[in-house]
Amino acid sequence: MTIIFNYLFTKSDDGFICRVPVRILNKGVLLKGVRLNTVNSEGIDIQQWVGKNLDVTIKDGVYSITGLAS
């Protein structure tokens, strides 16, 4: 399914905060309220996803991002 970035993340002063439990590219789960940083974003440049549609699957309440939607 396709979901817009802003549904999953909120902009903060120092990056982004997860609005729901998220898994980025099959890495560990980031729980709701976690601030994304260079360590837990697994080296992904989250800025490239802002405002874009993402390919996402949902299982057990976790939104798994597989990349940008085509």
PDB file of N, CA and C in Angstrom:
ATOM      1  N   MET A   1       0.847  -1.161   0.000  1.00  0.00           N
ATOM      2  CA  MET A   1       0.000   0.000   0.000  1.00  0.00           C
ATOM      3  C   MET A   1       0.893   1.225   0.000  1.00  0.00           C
ATOM      4  N   THR A   2       0.322   2.350  -0.362  1.00  0.00           N
ATOM      5  CA  THR A   2       1.058   3.607  -0.411  1.00  0.00           C
ATOM      6  C   THR A   2       0.556   4.540   0.687  1.00  0.00           C
ATOM      7  N   ILE A   3       1.495   5.097   1.444  1.00  0.00           N
ATOM      8  CA  ILE A   3       1.161   6.037   2.519  1.00  0.00           C
ATOM      9  C   ILE A   3       2.093   7.232   2.409  1.00  0.00           C
ATOM     10  N   ILE A   4       1.557   8.431   2.637  1.00  0.00           N
ATOM     11  CA  ILE A   4       2.366   9.646   2.595  1.00  0.00           C
ATOM     12  C   ILE A   4       3.260   9.715   3.834  1.00  0.00           C
ATOM     13  N   PHE A   5       4.459  10.193   3.660  1.00  0.00           N
ATOM     14  CA  PHE A   5       5.460  10.307   4.726  1.00  0.00           C
ATOM     15  C   PHE A   5       4.893  10.971   5.978  1.00  0.00           C
ATOM     16  N   ASN A   6       4.137  12.058   5.791  1.00  0.00           N
ATOM     17  CA  ASN A   6       3.652  12.851   6.927  1.00  0.00           C
ATOM     18  C   ASN A   6       2.654  12.099   7.801  1.00  0.00           C
ATOM     19  N   TYR A   7       2.093  11.000   7.338  1.00  0.00           N
ATOM     20  CA  TYR A   7       1.221  10.184   8.181  1.00  0.00           C
ATOM     21  C   TYR A   7       2.055   9.410   9.204  1.00  0.00           C
ATOM     22  N   LEU A   8       3.269   9.050   8.820  1.00  0.00           N
ATOM     23  CA  LEU A   8       4.127   8.221   9.661  1.00  0.00           C
ATOM     24  C   LEU A   8       5.043   9.023  10.583  1.00  0.00           C
ATOM     25  N   PHE A   9       5.415  10.234  10.167  1.00  0.00           N
ATOM     26  CA  PHE A   9       6.399  11.024  10.906  1.00  0.00           C
ATOM     27  C   PHE A   9       5.946  12.470  11.077  1.00  0.00           C
ATOM     28  N   THR A  10       6.358  13.066  12.202  1.00  0.00           N
ATOM     29  CA  THR A  10       6.116  14.478  12.488  1.00  0.00           C
ATOM     30  C   THR A  10       7.465  15.178  12.521  1.00  0.00           C
ATOM     31  N   LYS A  11       7.552  16.355  11.908  1.00  0.00           N
ATOM     32  CA  LYS A  11       8.782  17.151  11.926  1.00  0.00           C
ATOM     33  C   LYS A  11       9.001  17.696  13.324  1.00  0.00           C
ATOM     34  N   SER A  12      10.248  17.644  13.796  1.00  0.00           N
ATOM     35  CA  SER A  12      10.618  18.237  15.079  1.00  0.00           C
ATOM     36  C   SER A  12      11.797  19.179  14.843  1.00  0.00           C
ATOM     37  N   ASP A  13      12.230  19.854  15.887  1.00  0.00           N
ATOM     38  CA  ASP A  13      13.346  20.793  15.757  1.00  0.00           C
ATOM     39  C   ASP A  13      14.623  20.121  15.263  1.00  0.00           C
ATOM     40  N   ASP A  14      14.815  18.869  15.660  1.00  0.00           N
ATOM     41  CA  ASP A  14      16.065  18.192  15.326  1.00  0.00           C
ATOM     42  C   ASP A  14      15.875  16.965  14.436  1.00  0.00           C
ATOM     43  N   GLY A  15      14.786  16.905  13.709  1.00  0.00           N
ATOM     44  CA  GLY A  15      14.557  15.768  12.812  1.00  0.00           C
ATOM     45  C   GLY A  15      13.102  15.386  12.727  1.00  0.00           C
ATOM     46  N   PHE A  16      12.798  14.113  13.010  1.00  0.00           N
ATOM     47  CA  PHE A  16      11.439  13.598  12.889  1.00  0.00           C
ATOM     48  C   PHE A  16      11.114  12.684  14.059  1.00  0.00           C
ATOM     49  N   ILE A  17       9.821  12.602  14.382  1.00  0.00           N
ATOM     50  CA  ILE A  17       9.328  11.728  15.439  1.00  0.00           C
ATOM     51  C   ILE A  17       8.338  10.757  14.810  1.00  0.00           C
ATOM     52  N   CYS A  18       8.451   9.485  15.161  1.00  0.00           N
ATOM     53  CA  CYS A  18       7.528   8.465  14.655  1.00  0.00           C
ATOM     54  C   CYS A  18       6.140   8.687  15.246  1.00  0.00           C
ATOM     55  N   ARG A  19       5.132   8.736  14.393  1.00  0.00           N
ATOM     56  CA  ARG A  19       3.747   8.871  14.843  1.00  0.00           C
ATOM     57  C   ARG A  19       3.106   7.518  15.110  1.00  0.00           C
ATOM     58  N   VAL A  20       3.675   6.474  14.541  1.00  0.00           N
ATOM     59  CA  VAL A  20       3.199   5.091  14.684  1.00  0.00           C
ATOM     60  C   VAL A  20       4.440   4.193  14.757  1.00  0.00           C
ATOM     61  N   PRO A  21       4.312   2.943  15.194  1.00  0.00           N
ATOM     62  CA  PRO A  21       5.463   2.031  15.142  1.00  0.00           C
ATOM     63  C   PRO A  21       5.881   1.803  13.679  1.00  0.00           C
ATOM     64  N   VAL A  22       7.169   1.976  13.400  1.00  0.00           N
ATOM     65  CA  VAL A  22       7.677   1.927  12.029  1.00  0.00           C
ATOM     66  C   VAL A  22       8.897   1.013  11.951  1.00  0.00           C
ATOM     67  N   ARG A  23       8.976   0.282  10.846  1.00  0.00           N
ATOM     68  CA  ARG A  23      10.181  -0.493  10.519  1.00  0.00           C
ATOM     69  C   ARG A  23      10.670   0.061   9.184  1.00  0.00           C
ATOM     70  N   ILE A  24      11.940   0.476   9.134  1.00  0.00           N
ATOM     71  CA  ILE A  24      12.501   1.052   7.917  1.00  0.00           C
ATOM     72  C   ILE A  24      13.389   0.017   7.239  1.00  0.00           C
ATOM     73  N   LEU A  25      13.030  -0.357   6.029  1.00  0.00           N
ATOM     74  CA  LEU A  25      13.817  -1.275   5.197  1.00  0.00           C
ATOM     75  C   LEU A  25      14.228  -2.542   5.948  1.00  0.00           C
ATOM     76  N   ASN A  26      13.257  -3.169   6.611  1.00  0.00           N
ATOM     77  CA  ASN A  26      13.448  -4.454   7.302  1.00  0.00           C
ATOM     78  C   ASN A  26      14.460  -4.426   8.442  1.00  0.00           C
ATOM     79  N   LYS A  27      14.660  -3.264   9.046  1.00  0.00           N
ATOM     80  CA  LYS A  27      15.536  -3.146  10.223  1.00  0.00           C
ATOM     81  C   LYS A  27      14.669  -3.252  11.467  1.00  0.00           C
ATOM     82  N   GLY A  28      15.188  -2.853  12.613  1.00  0.00           N
ATOM     83  CA  GLY A  28      14.444  -2.925  13.866  1.00  0.00           C
ATOM     84  C   GLY A  28      13.250  -1.988  13.888  1.00  0.00           C
ATOM     85  N   VAL A  29      12.291  -2.278  14.765  1.00  0.00           N
ATOM     86  CA  VAL A  29      11.079  -1.463  14.885  1.00  0.00           C
ATOM     87  C   VAL A  29      11.373  -0.217  15.714  1.00  0.00           C
ATOM     88  N   LEU A  30      10.927   0.928  15.207  1.00  0.00           N
ATOM     89  CA  LEU A  30      10.999   2.193  15.937  1.00  0.00           C
ATOM     90  C   LEU A  30       9.606   2.466  16.479  1.00  0.00           C
ATOM     91  N   LEU A  31       9.482   2.550  17.774  1.00  0.00           N
ATOM     92  CA  LEU A  31       8.175   2.723  18.398  1.00  0.00           C
ATOM     93  C   LEU A  31       7.654   4.143  18.260  1.00  0.00           C
ATOM     94  N   LYS A  32       6.352   4.297  18.421  1.00  0.00           N
ATOM     95  CA  LYS A  32       5.709   5.604  18.388  1.00  0.00           C
ATOM     96  C   LYS A  32       6.411   6.513  19.392  1.00  0.00           C
ATOM     97  N   GLY A  33       6.722   7.741  18.969  1.00  0.00           N
ATOM     98  CA  GLY A  33       7.370   8.716  19.837  1.00  0.00           C
ATOM     99  C   GLY A  33       8.884   8.745  19.747  1.00  0.00           C
ATOM    100  N   VAL A  34       9.480   7.769  19.050  1.00  0.00           N
ATOM    101  CA  VAL A  34      10.939   7.724  18.915  1.00  0.00           C
ATOM    102  C   VAL A  34      11.389   8.812  17.948  1.00  0.00           C
ATOM    103  N   ARG A  35      12.452   9.519  18.328  1.00  0.00           N
ATOM    104  CA  ARG A  35      13.050  10.526  17.442  1.00  0.00           C
ATOM    105  C   ARG A  35      14.031   9.835  16.500  1.00  0.00           C
ATOM    106  N   LEU A  36      13.881  10.109  15.214  1.00  0.00           N
ATOM    107  CA  LEU A  36      14.808   9.546  14.230  1.00  0.00           C
ATOM    108  C   LEU A  36      16.119  10.305  14.287  1.00  0.00           C
ATOM    109  N   ASN A  37      17.226   9.571  14.220  1.00  0.00           N
ATOM    110  CA  ASN A  37      18.541  10.177  14.133  1.00  0.00           C
ATOM    111  C   ASN A  37      19.382   9.335  13.179  1.00  0.00           C
ATOM    112  N   THR A  38      20.644   9.686  13.024  1.00  0.00           N
ATOM    113  CA  THR A  38      21.478   8.970  12.055  1.00  0.00           C
ATOM    114  C   THR A  38      21.701   7.516  12.443  1.00  0.00           C
ATOM    115  N   VAL A  39      21.619   7.190  13.721  1.00  0.00           N
ATOM    116  CA  VAL A  39      21.821   5.810  14.161  1.00  0.00           C
ATOM    117  C   VAL A  39      20.597   4.953  13.869  1.00  0.00           C
ATOM    118  N   ASN A  40      19.416   5.364  14.341  1.00  0.00           N
ATOM    119  CA  ASN A  40      18.241   4.506  14.192  1.00  0.00           C
ATOM    120  C   ASN A  40      17.557   4.620  12.835  1.00  0.00           C
ATOM    121  N   SER A  41      17.970   5.561  12.002  1.00  0.00           N
ATOM    122  CA  SER A  41      17.408   5.623  10.649  1.00  0.00           C
ATOM    123  C   SER A  41      18.198   4.735   9.694  1.00  0.00           C
ATOM    124  N   GLU A  42      19.147   3.984  10.244  1.00  0.00           N
ATOM    125  CA  GLU A  42      19.915   2.985   9.481  1.00  0.00           C
ATOM    126  C   GLU A  42      20.634   3.588   8.273  1.00  0.00           C
ATOM    127  N   GLY A  43      21.074   4.843   8.392  1.00  0.00           N
ATOM    128  CA  GLY A  43      21.810   5.485   7.313  1.00  0.00           C
ATOM    129  C   GLY A  43      20.947   5.982   6.165  1.00  0.00           C
ATOM    130  N   ILE A  44      19.629   5.849   6.282  1.00  0.00           N
ATOM    131  CA  ILE A  44      18.718   6.328   5.241  1.00  0.00           C
ATOM    132  C   ILE A  44      18.579   7.838   5.362  1.00  0.00           C
ATOM    133  N   ASP A  45      18.661   8.550   4.250  1.00  0.00           N
ATOM    134  CA  ASP A  45      18.452   9.994   4.255  1.00  0.00           C
ATOM    135  C   ASP A  45      16.949  10.251   4.263  1.00  0.00           C
ATOM    136  N   ILE A  46      16.389  10.374   5.457  1.00  0.00           N
ATOM    137  CA  ILE A  46      14.944  10.544   5.627  1.00  0.00           C
ATOM    138  C   ILE A  46      14.446  11.796   4.906  1.00  0.00           C
ATOM    139  N   GLN A  47      15.286  12.814   4.776  1.00  0.00           N
ATOM    140  CA  GLN A  47      14.880  14.055   4.101  1.00  0.00           C
ATOM    141  C   GLN A  47      14.388  13.794   2.679  1.00  0.00           C
ATOM    142  N   GLN A  48      14.914  12.771   2.014  1.00  0.00           N
ATOM    143  CA  GLN A  48      14.498  12.478   0.636  1.00  0.00           C
ATOM    144  C   GLN A  48      13.074  11.934   0.573  1.00  0.00           C
ATOM    145  N   TRP A  49      12.516  11.517   1.724  1.00  0.00           N
ATOM    146  CA  TRP A  49      11.167  10.956   1.771  1.00  0.00           C
ATOM    147  C   TRP A  49      10.102  11.980   2.160  1.00  0.00           C
ATOM    148  N   VAL A  50      10.508  13.140   2.659  1.00  0.00           N
ATOM    149  CA  VAL A  50       9.550  14.132   3.171  1.00  0.00           C
ATOM    150  C   VAL A  50       8.547  14.516   2.085  1.00  0.00           C
ATOM    151  N   GLY A  51       7.249  14.405   2.423  1.00  0.00           N
ATOM    152  CA  GLY A  51       6.180  14.787   1.507  1.00  0.00           C
ATOM    153  C   GLY A  51       5.925  13.812   0.370  1.00  0.00           C
ATOM    154  N   LYS A  52       6.624  12.693   0.354  1.00  0.00           N
ATOM    155  CA  LYS A  52       6.472  11.726  -0.739  1.00  0.00           C
ATOM    156  C   LYS A  52       5.679  10.510  -0.287  1.00  0.00           C
ATOM    157  N   ASN A  53       5.203   9.750  -1.268  1.00  0.00           N
ATOM    158  CA  ASN A  53       4.491   8.501  -0.995  1.00  0.00           C
ATOM    159  C   ASN A  53       5.495   7.373  -0.794  1.00  0.00           C
ATOM    160  N   LEU A  54       5.226   6.554   0.219  1.00  0.00           N
ATOM    161  CA  LEU A  54       6.103   5.432   0.541  1.00  0.00           C
ATOM    162  C   LEU A  54       5.367   4.116   0.355  1.00  0.00           C
ATOM    163  N   ASP A  55       6.097   3.088  -0.085  1.00  0.00           N
ATOM    164  CA  ASP A  55       5.547   1.726  -0.123  1.00  0.00           C
ATOM    165  C   ASP A  55       5.608   1.177   1.294  1.00  0.00           C
ATOM    166  N   VAL A  56       4.450   0.755   1.811  1.00  0.00           N
ATOM    167  CA  VAL A  56       4.352   0.319   3.203  1.00  0.00           C
ATOM    168  C   VAL A  56       3.477  -0.926   3.298  1.00  0.00           C
ATOM    169  N   THR A  57       3.863  -1.837   4.178  1.00  0.00           N
ATOM    170  CA  THR A  57       2.984  -2.940   4.557  1.00  0.00           C
ATOM    171  C   THR A  57       2.718  -2.797   6.050  1.00  0.00           C
ATOM    172  N   ILE A  58       1.563  -3.282   6.491  1.00  0.00           N
ATOM    173  CA  ILE A  58       1.202  -3.203   7.906  1.00  0.00           C
ATOM    174  C   ILE A  58       0.981  -4.614   8.419  1.00  0.00           C
ATOM    175  N   LYS A  59       1.695  -4.954   9.487  1.00  0.00           N
ATOM    176  CA  LYS A  59       1.525  -6.265  10.116  1.00  0.00           C
ATOM    177  C   LYS A  59       1.655  -6.083  11.622  1.00  0.00           C
ATOM    178  N   ASP A  60       0.662  -6.565  12.349  1.00  0.00           N
ATOM    179  CA  ASP A  60       0.650  -6.464  13.811  1.00  0.00           C
ATOM    180  C   ASP A  60       0.832  -5.028  14.289  1.00  0.00           C
ATOM    181  N   GLY A  61       0.283  -4.065  13.556  1.00  0.00           N
ATOM    182  CA  GLY A  61       0.340  -2.664  13.958  1.00  0.00           C
ATOM    183  C   GLY A  61       1.640  -1.951  13.645  1.00  0.00           C
ATOM    184  N   VAL A  62       2.567  -2.628  12.966  1.00  0.00           N
ATOM    185  CA  VAL A  62       3.846  -2.021  12.597  1.00  0.00           C
ATOM    186  C   VAL A  62       3.822  -1.690  11.108  1.00  0.00           C
ATOM    187  N   TYR A  63       4.147  -0.449  10.781  1.00  0.00           N
ATOM    188  CA  TYR A  63       4.198   0.014   9.399  1.00  0.00           C
ATOM    189  C   TYR A  63       5.617  -0.216   8.882  1.00  0.00           C
ATOM    190  N   SER A  64       5.776  -1.140   7.945  1.00  0.00           N
ATOM    191  CA  SER A  64       7.093  -1.470   7.397  1.00  0.00           C
ATOM    192  C   SER A  64       7.288  -0.753   6.070  1.00  0.00           C
ATOM    193  N   ILE A  65       8.252   0.156   6.046  1.00  0.00           N
ATOM    194  CA  ILE A  65       8.551   0.944   4.847  1.00  0.00           C
ATOM    195  C   ILE A  65       9.552   0.171   4.002  1.00  0.00           C
ATOM    196  N   THR A  66       9.197  -0.047   2.729  1.00  0.00           N
ATOM    197  CA  THR A  66      10.113  -0.743   1.826  1.00  0.00           C
ATOM    198  C   THR A  66      10.807   0.208   0.862  1.00  0.00           C
ATOM    199  N   GLY A  67      10.408   1.474   0.842  1.00  0.00           N
ATOM    200  CA  GLY A  67      11.036   2.474  -0.017  1.00  0.00           C
ATOM    201  C   GLY A  67      10.018   3.448  -0.561  1.00  0.00           C
ATOM    202  N   LEU A  68      10.462   4.258  -1.498  1.00  0.00           N
ATOM    203  CA  LEU A  68       9.570   5.211  -2.155  1.00  0.00           C
ATOM    204  C   LEU A  68       8.604   4.476  -3.068  1.00  0.00           C
ATOM    205  N   ALA A  69       7.370   4.954  -3.110  1.00  0.00           N
ATOM    206  CA  ALA A  69       6.380   4.376  -4.024  1.00  0.00           C
ATOM    207  C   ALA A  69       6.739   4.767  -5.450  1.00  0.00           C
ATOM    208  N   SER A  70       6.491   3.859  -6.379  1.00  0.00           N
ATOM    209  CA  SER A  70       6.800   4.170  -7.787  1.00  0.00           C
ATOM    210  C   SER A  70       5.613   4.750  -8.493  1.00  0.00           C
TER     211      SER A  70
END
